[in-house]
C-alpha cells in the first residue's frame, strides 16, 4: 500500500497506478491510498516515480477483508487494552486489527481513560 498527496489528480494517479498493477485507489482525506498485491508494490512505486507523482509512503501491510463490530464498551476496552499491550512489546513489529467500534462506544471508552 502506498500513499500519494491529494495534490495529484485522481485521474492521473489512477491511470498510472492501475496500468502498473495496482488494485484500487481510495480517498483517505488528505491523501490517496493505492493498494496493490505485495509483489507489485515496487513496480507501482516505480511507475509513479517515473510519471512524476510523489509518493508519501510505501509499505507492505495487512488489509483485512472483513471487520468485526465491537458492540459493547467492555469488548472495546478489552480489544484496545490487548492492542496497547502488543504495541508496547519490543518483540512486536506491527499490530493489525479488523475491529469496528462505533463513535458512541469509542467516546465512552476514551472518556474513561
N, C-alpha and C. Protein backbone atom coordinates (compact mmCIF):
# COMPACT_ATOMS: atom_id res chain seq x y z
N UNK A 1 0.85 -1.15 0.00
CA UNK A 1 0.00 0.00 0.00
C UNK A 1 0.91 1.23 0.00
N UNK A 2 0.50 2.21 -0.78
CA UNK A 2 1.26 3.45 -0.77
C UNK A 2 0.30 4.63 -0.76
N UNK A 3 0.84 5.76 -0.37
CA UNK A 3 0.04 6.98 -0.26
C UNK A 3 0.64 8.06 -1.13
N UNK A 4 -0.25 8.77 -1.84
CA UNK A 4 0.15 9.90 -2.68
C UNK A 4 -0.65 11.12 -2.22
N UNK A 5 -0.08 12.32 -2.34
CA UNK A 5 -0.80 13.52 -1.88
C UNK A 5 -2.02 13.83 -2.73
N UNK A 6 -2.99 14.49 -2.13
CA UNK A 6 -4.21 14.86 -2.84
C UNK A 6 -3.95 15.92 -3.91
N UNK A 7 -2.75 16.52 -3.92
CA UNK A 7 -2.43 17.49 -4.96
C UNK A 7 -2.37 16.84 -6.33
N UNK A 8 -2.26 15.51 -6.36
CA UNK A 8 -2.26 14.75 -7.61
C UNK A 8 -3.71 14.47 -7.98
N UNK A 9 -4.06 14.66 -9.23
CA UNK A 9 -5.45 14.40 -9.64
C UNK A 9 -5.72 12.90 -9.60
N UNK A 10 -6.94 12.56 -9.23
CA UNK A 10 -7.32 11.16 -9.14
C UNK A 10 -7.17 10.46 -10.49
N UNK A 11 -7.54 11.13 -11.55
CA UNK A 11 -7.46 10.53 -12.88
C UNK A 11 -6.01 10.22 -13.27
N UNK A 12 -5.09 11.15 -13.00
CA UNK A 12 -3.68 10.92 -13.32
C UNK A 12 -3.13 9.76 -12.51
N UNK A 13 -3.44 9.76 -11.22
CA UNK A 13 -2.96 8.70 -10.34
C UNK A 13 -3.53 7.35 -10.77
N UNK A 14 -4.82 7.32 -11.05
CA UNK A 14 -5.48 6.07 -11.44
C UNK A 14 -4.89 5.51 -12.72
N UNK A 15 -4.68 6.37 -13.68
CA UNK A 15 -4.14 5.93 -14.97
C UNK A 15 -2.79 5.23 -14.79
N UNK A 16 -1.89 5.86 -14.06
CA UNK A 16 -0.55 5.31 -13.89
C UNK A 16 -0.56 4.09 -12.97
N UNK A 17 -1.25 4.20 -11.82
CA UNK A 17 -1.22 3.12 -10.83
C UNK A 17 -1.88 1.84 -11.34
N UNK A 18 -3.05 1.98 -11.95
CA UNK A 18 -3.75 0.78 -12.42
C UNK A 18 -3.00 0.11 -13.58
N UNK A 19 -2.39 0.92 -14.41
CA UNK A 19 -1.60 0.35 -15.51
C UNK A 19 -0.39 -0.42 -14.98
N UNK A 20 0.14 0.00 -13.83
CA UNK A 20 1.30 -0.67 -13.24
C UNK A 20 0.92 -1.89 -12.40
N UNK A 21 -0.38 -2.13 -12.20
CA UNK A 21 -0.80 -3.32 -11.48
C UNK A 21 -1.50 -3.08 -10.16
N UNK A 22 -1.79 -1.83 -9.83
CA UNK A 22 -2.50 -1.54 -8.58
C UNK A 22 -3.92 -2.08 -8.64
N UNK A 23 -4.46 -2.43 -7.48
CA UNK A 23 -5.83 -2.95 -7.40
C UNK A 23 -6.87 -1.86 -7.21
N UNK A 24 -6.53 -0.85 -6.42
CA UNK A 24 -7.55 0.14 -6.05
C UNK A 24 -6.90 1.45 -5.64
N UNK A 25 -7.67 2.51 -5.75
CA UNK A 25 -7.28 3.83 -5.27
C UNK A 25 -8.42 4.33 -4.42
N UNK A 26 -8.12 4.81 -3.21
CA UNK A 26 -9.16 5.27 -2.29
C UNK A 26 -8.80 6.63 -1.73
N UNK A 27 -9.81 7.44 -1.48
CA UNK A 27 -9.64 8.76 -0.88
C UNK A 27 -9.50 8.58 0.63
N UNK A 28 -8.37 9.00 1.16
CA UNK A 28 -8.11 8.90 2.60
C UNK A 28 -8.11 10.27 3.27
N UNK A 29 -8.85 11.21 2.72
CA UNK A 29 -8.91 12.55 3.30
C UNK A 29 -7.85 13.46 2.73
N UNK A 30 -6.65 13.42 3.29
CA UNK A 30 -5.57 14.30 2.86
C UNK A 30 -4.64 13.65 1.85
N UNK A 31 -4.87 12.37 1.55
CA UNK A 31 -4.03 11.68 0.58
C UNK A 31 -4.83 10.58 -0.12
N UNK A 32 -4.22 10.04 -1.16
CA UNK A 32 -4.79 8.91 -1.88
C UNK A 32 -4.11 7.64 -1.38
N UNK A 33 -4.89 6.58 -1.13
CA UNK A 33 -4.32 5.28 -0.77
C UNK A 33 -4.39 4.40 -2.00
N UNK A 34 -3.24 3.86 -2.39
CA UNK A 34 -3.15 2.98 -3.54
C UNK A 34 -2.81 1.59 -3.01
N UNK A 35 -3.67 0.61 -3.30
CA UNK A 35 -3.40 -0.76 -2.88
C UNK A 35 -3.04 -1.60 -4.08
N UNK A 36 -2.15 -2.55 -3.84
CA UNK A 36 -1.71 -3.45 -4.89
C UNK A 36 -1.26 -4.76 -4.23
N UNK A 37 -1.13 -5.81 -5.02
CA UNK A 37 -0.54 -7.03 -4.46
C UNK A 37 0.88 -6.71 -3.98
N UNK A 38 1.31 -7.33 -2.88
CA UNK A 38 2.65 -7.02 -2.33
C UNK A 38 3.77 -7.14 -3.36
N UNK A 39 3.71 -8.13 -4.21
CA UNK A 39 4.78 -8.34 -5.19
C UNK A 39 4.86 -7.21 -6.22
N UNK A 40 3.75 -6.50 -6.42
CA UNK A 40 3.73 -5.43 -7.42
C UNK A 40 3.98 -4.04 -6.85
N UNK A 41 4.11 -3.94 -5.53
CA UNK A 41 4.32 -2.62 -4.91
C UNK A 41 5.53 -1.89 -5.50
N UNK A 42 6.69 -2.54 -5.64
CA UNK A 42 7.83 -1.81 -6.24
C UNK A 42 7.55 -1.32 -7.66
N UNK A 43 6.84 -2.11 -8.47
CA UNK A 43 6.53 -1.70 -9.84
C UNK A 43 5.58 -0.51 -9.85
N UNK A 44 4.59 -0.52 -8.95
CA UNK A 44 3.65 0.59 -8.87
C UNK A 44 4.39 1.85 -8.44
N UNK A 45 5.25 1.72 -7.43
CA UNK A 45 6.01 2.89 -6.98
C UNK A 45 6.91 3.43 -8.08
N UNK A 46 7.60 2.54 -8.78
CA UNK A 46 8.48 2.97 -9.88
C UNK A 46 7.69 3.69 -10.96
N UNK A 47 6.50 3.18 -11.28
CA UNK A 47 5.67 3.81 -12.30
C UNK A 47 5.24 5.21 -11.86
N UNK A 48 4.88 5.36 -10.59
CA UNK A 48 4.50 6.68 -10.08
C UNK A 48 5.69 7.63 -10.10
N UNK A 49 6.86 7.14 -9.67
CA UNK A 49 8.08 7.97 -9.70
C UNK A 49 8.40 8.41 -11.12
N UNK A 50 8.31 7.50 -12.07
CA UNK A 50 8.59 7.81 -13.47
C UNK A 50 7.62 8.85 -14.01
N UNK A 51 6.36 8.78 -13.56
CA UNK A 51 5.35 9.74 -14.02
C UNK A 51 5.43 11.07 -13.27
N UNK A 52 6.35 11.17 -12.30
CA UNK A 52 6.49 12.41 -11.55
C UNK A 52 5.45 12.59 -10.46
N UNK A 53 4.81 11.50 -10.06
CA UNK A 53 3.81 11.56 -9.00
C UNK A 53 4.51 11.26 -7.67
N UNK A 54 4.48 12.20 -6.73
CA UNK A 54 5.17 11.98 -5.46
C UNK A 54 4.48 10.89 -4.63
N UNK A 55 5.30 10.13 -3.90
CA UNK A 55 4.81 9.08 -3.02
C UNK A 55 5.16 9.48 -1.59
N UNK A 56 4.14 9.59 -0.73
CA UNK A 56 4.37 9.97 0.66
C UNK A 56 4.93 8.80 1.47
N UNK A 57 4.42 7.60 1.24
CA UNK A 57 4.94 6.41 1.90
C UNK A 57 4.53 5.19 1.10
N UNK A 58 5.31 4.13 1.24
CA UNK A 58 5.02 2.87 0.56
C UNK A 58 5.48 1.73 1.44
N UNK A 59 4.54 0.91 1.88
CA UNK A 59 4.85 -0.21 2.75
C UNK A 59 3.95 -1.39 2.43
N UNK A 60 4.48 -2.57 2.62
CA UNK A 60 3.65 -3.77 2.54
C UNK A 60 2.97 -3.89 3.89
N UNK A 61 1.66 -3.96 3.88
CA UNK A 61 0.90 -4.02 5.13
C UNK A 61 -0.31 -4.92 4.94
N UNK A 62 -0.88 -5.34 6.03
CA UNK A 62 -2.06 -6.21 6.01
C UNK A 62 -3.32 -5.38 5.95
N UNK A 63 -4.22 -5.72 5.06
CA UNK A 63 -5.55 -5.13 5.00
C UNK A 63 -6.56 -6.25 5.13
N UNK A 64 -7.41 -6.17 6.14
CA UNK A 64 -8.39 -7.24 6.33
C UNK A 64 -9.51 -7.11 5.31
N UNK A 65 -10.09 -8.23 4.98
CA UNK A 65 -11.20 -8.22 4.03
C UNK A 65 -12.54 -8.20 4.74
N UNK A 66 -12.54 -8.43 6.04
CA UNK A 66 -13.77 -8.38 6.84
C UNK A 66 -13.49 -7.60 8.12
N UNK A 67 -14.55 -7.12 8.74
CA UNK A 67 -14.37 -6.44 10.03
C UNK A 67 -15.35 -7.04 11.04
N UNK A 68 -14.98 -6.87 12.30
CA UNK A 68 -15.80 -7.40 13.39
C UNK A 68 -16.28 -6.21 14.21
N UNK A 69 -17.59 -6.09 14.35
CA UNK A 69 -18.16 -4.99 15.13
C UNK A 69 -18.05 -5.29 16.62
N UNK A 70 -17.49 -4.34 17.35
CA UNK A 70 -17.45 -4.44 18.82
C UNK A 70 -18.63 -3.64 19.33
N UNK A 71 -19.63 -4.34 19.83
CA UNK A 71 -20.91 -3.71 20.14
C UNK A 71 -21.08 -3.28 21.58
N UNK A 72 -20.10 -3.61 22.44
CA UNK A 72 -20.21 -3.18 23.83
C UNK A 72 -18.93 -2.47 24.25
N UNK A 73 -19.06 -1.63 25.26
CA UNK A 73 -17.89 -0.92 25.78
C UNK A 73 -16.89 -1.89 26.39
N UNK A 74 -17.37 -2.96 27.00
CA UNK A 74 -16.48 -3.95 27.61
C UNK A 74 -15.62 -4.62 26.55
N UNK A 75 -16.23 -5.00 25.43
CA UNK A 75 -15.47 -5.63 24.34
C UNK A 75 -14.45 -4.65 23.77
N UNK A 76 -14.86 -3.41 23.60
CA UNK A 76 -13.95 -2.39 23.07
C UNK A 76 -12.77 -2.17 24.01
N UNK A 77 -13.05 -2.08 25.31
CA UNK A 77 -11.97 -1.90 26.29
C UNK A 77 -10.98 -3.06 26.22
N UNK A 78 -11.49 -4.29 26.16
CA UNK A 78 -10.63 -5.47 26.14
C UNK A 78 -9.74 -5.49 24.89
N UNK A 79 -10.31 -5.20 23.74
CA UNK A 79 -9.54 -5.21 22.50
C UNK A 79 -8.51 -4.09 22.50
N UNK A 80 -8.90 -2.90 22.91
CA UNK A 80 -7.96 -1.77 22.94
C UNK A 80 -6.83 -2.01 23.94
N UNK A 81 -7.14 -2.66 25.06
CA UNK A 81 -6.10 -3.00 26.04
C UNK A 81 -5.12 -4.00 25.44
N UNK A 82 -5.64 -5.02 24.77
CA UNK A 82 -4.77 -6.01 24.13
C UNK A 82 -3.88 -5.36 23.08
N UNK A 83 -4.42 -4.48 22.28
CA UNK A 83 -3.63 -3.80 21.25
C UNK A 83 -2.54 -2.95 21.89
N UNK A 84 -2.85 -2.24 22.97
CA UNK A 84 -1.84 -1.45 23.68
C UNK A 84 -0.73 -2.34 24.22
N UNK A 85 -1.09 -3.48 24.79
CA UNK A 85 -0.08 -4.40 25.33
C UNK A 85 0.82 -4.94 24.22
N UNK A 86 0.22 -5.32 23.11
CA UNK A 86 1.01 -5.81 21.99
C UNK A 86 1.92 -4.73 21.43
N UNK A 87 1.39 -3.53 21.30
CA UNK A 87 2.15 -2.42 20.75
C UNK A 87 3.33 -2.05 21.65
N UNK A 88 3.18 -2.22 22.95
CA UNK A 88 4.25 -1.89 23.89
C UNK A 88 5.34 -2.96 23.94
N UNK A 89 5.07 -4.14 23.41
CA UNK A 89 6.04 -5.23 23.43
C UNK A 89 7.13 -4.97 22.40
N UNK A 90 8.39 -4.99 22.84
CA UNK A 90 9.51 -4.71 21.95
C UNK A 90 9.68 -5.75 20.84
N UNK A 91 9.17 -6.95 21.05
CA UNK A 91 9.31 -8.01 20.06
C UNK A 91 8.26 -7.93 18.95
N UNK A 92 7.30 -7.04 19.08
CA UNK A 92 6.22 -6.91 18.10
C UNK A 92 6.55 -5.77 17.14
N UNK A 93 6.57 -6.09 15.84
CA UNK A 93 6.89 -5.07 14.83
C UNK A 93 5.68 -4.27 14.41
N UNK A 94 4.52 -4.89 14.37
CA UNK A 94 3.31 -4.20 13.93
C UNK A 94 2.08 -4.88 14.48
N UNK A 95 1.07 -4.10 14.75
CA UNK A 95 -0.20 -4.63 15.26
C UNK A 95 -1.28 -4.30 14.24
N UNK A 96 -1.99 -5.31 13.81
CA UNK A 96 -3.06 -5.16 12.84
C UNK A 96 -4.37 -5.60 13.46
N UNK A 97 -5.46 -5.02 13.03
CA UNK A 97 -6.75 -5.41 13.58
C UNK A 97 -7.84 -5.28 12.53
N UNK A 98 -8.97 -5.87 12.81
CA UNK A 98 -10.11 -5.77 11.91
C UNK A 98 -11.39 -5.44 12.68
N UNK A 99 -11.26 -4.73 13.79
CA UNK A 99 -12.44 -4.40 14.57
C UNK A 99 -13.03 -3.07 14.12
N UNK A 100 -14.30 -2.90 14.44
CA UNK A 100 -15.03 -1.68 14.13
C UNK A 100 -15.76 -1.25 15.39
N UNK A 101 -15.43 -0.07 15.88
CA UNK A 101 -16.06 0.46 17.09
C UNK A 101 -16.87 1.69 16.70
N UNK A 102 -18.12 1.75 17.17
CA UNK A 102 -18.95 2.91 16.87
C UNK A 102 -18.39 4.14 17.58
N UNK A 103 -18.69 5.31 17.05
CA UNK A 103 -18.22 6.57 17.66
C UNK A 103 -18.72 6.68 19.10
N UNK A 104 -19.95 6.26 19.33
CA UNK A 104 -20.55 6.34 20.67
C UNK A 104 -19.76 5.50 21.68
N UNK A 105 -19.44 4.28 21.32
CA UNK A 105 -18.68 3.41 22.24
C UNK A 105 -17.26 3.93 22.38
N UNK A 106 -16.65 4.37 21.31
CA UNK A 106 -15.29 4.89 21.37
C UNK A 106 -15.21 6.11 22.27
N UNK A 107 -16.19 7.00 22.19
CA UNK A 107 -16.23 8.17 23.04
C UNK A 107 -16.37 7.76 24.51
N UNK A 108 -17.22 6.80 24.77
CA UNK A 108 -17.43 6.32 26.13
C UNK A 108 -16.16 5.70 26.71
N UNK A 109 -15.51 4.87 25.93
CA UNK A 109 -14.30 4.20 26.39
C UNK A 109 -13.15 5.19 26.56
N UNK A 110 -12.99 6.13 25.62
CA UNK A 110 -11.88 7.08 25.71
C UNK A 110 -12.08 8.08 26.85
N UNK A 111 -13.32 8.36 27.23
CA UNK A 111 -13.55 9.27 28.35
C UNK A 111 -13.25 8.63 29.69
N UNK A 112 -13.17 7.30 29.72
CA UNK A 112 -12.88 6.57 30.96
C UNK A 112 -11.39 6.49 31.22
N UNK A 113 -10.58 6.76 30.23
CA UNK A 113 -9.12 6.61 30.37
C UNK A 113 -8.50 7.73 31.10
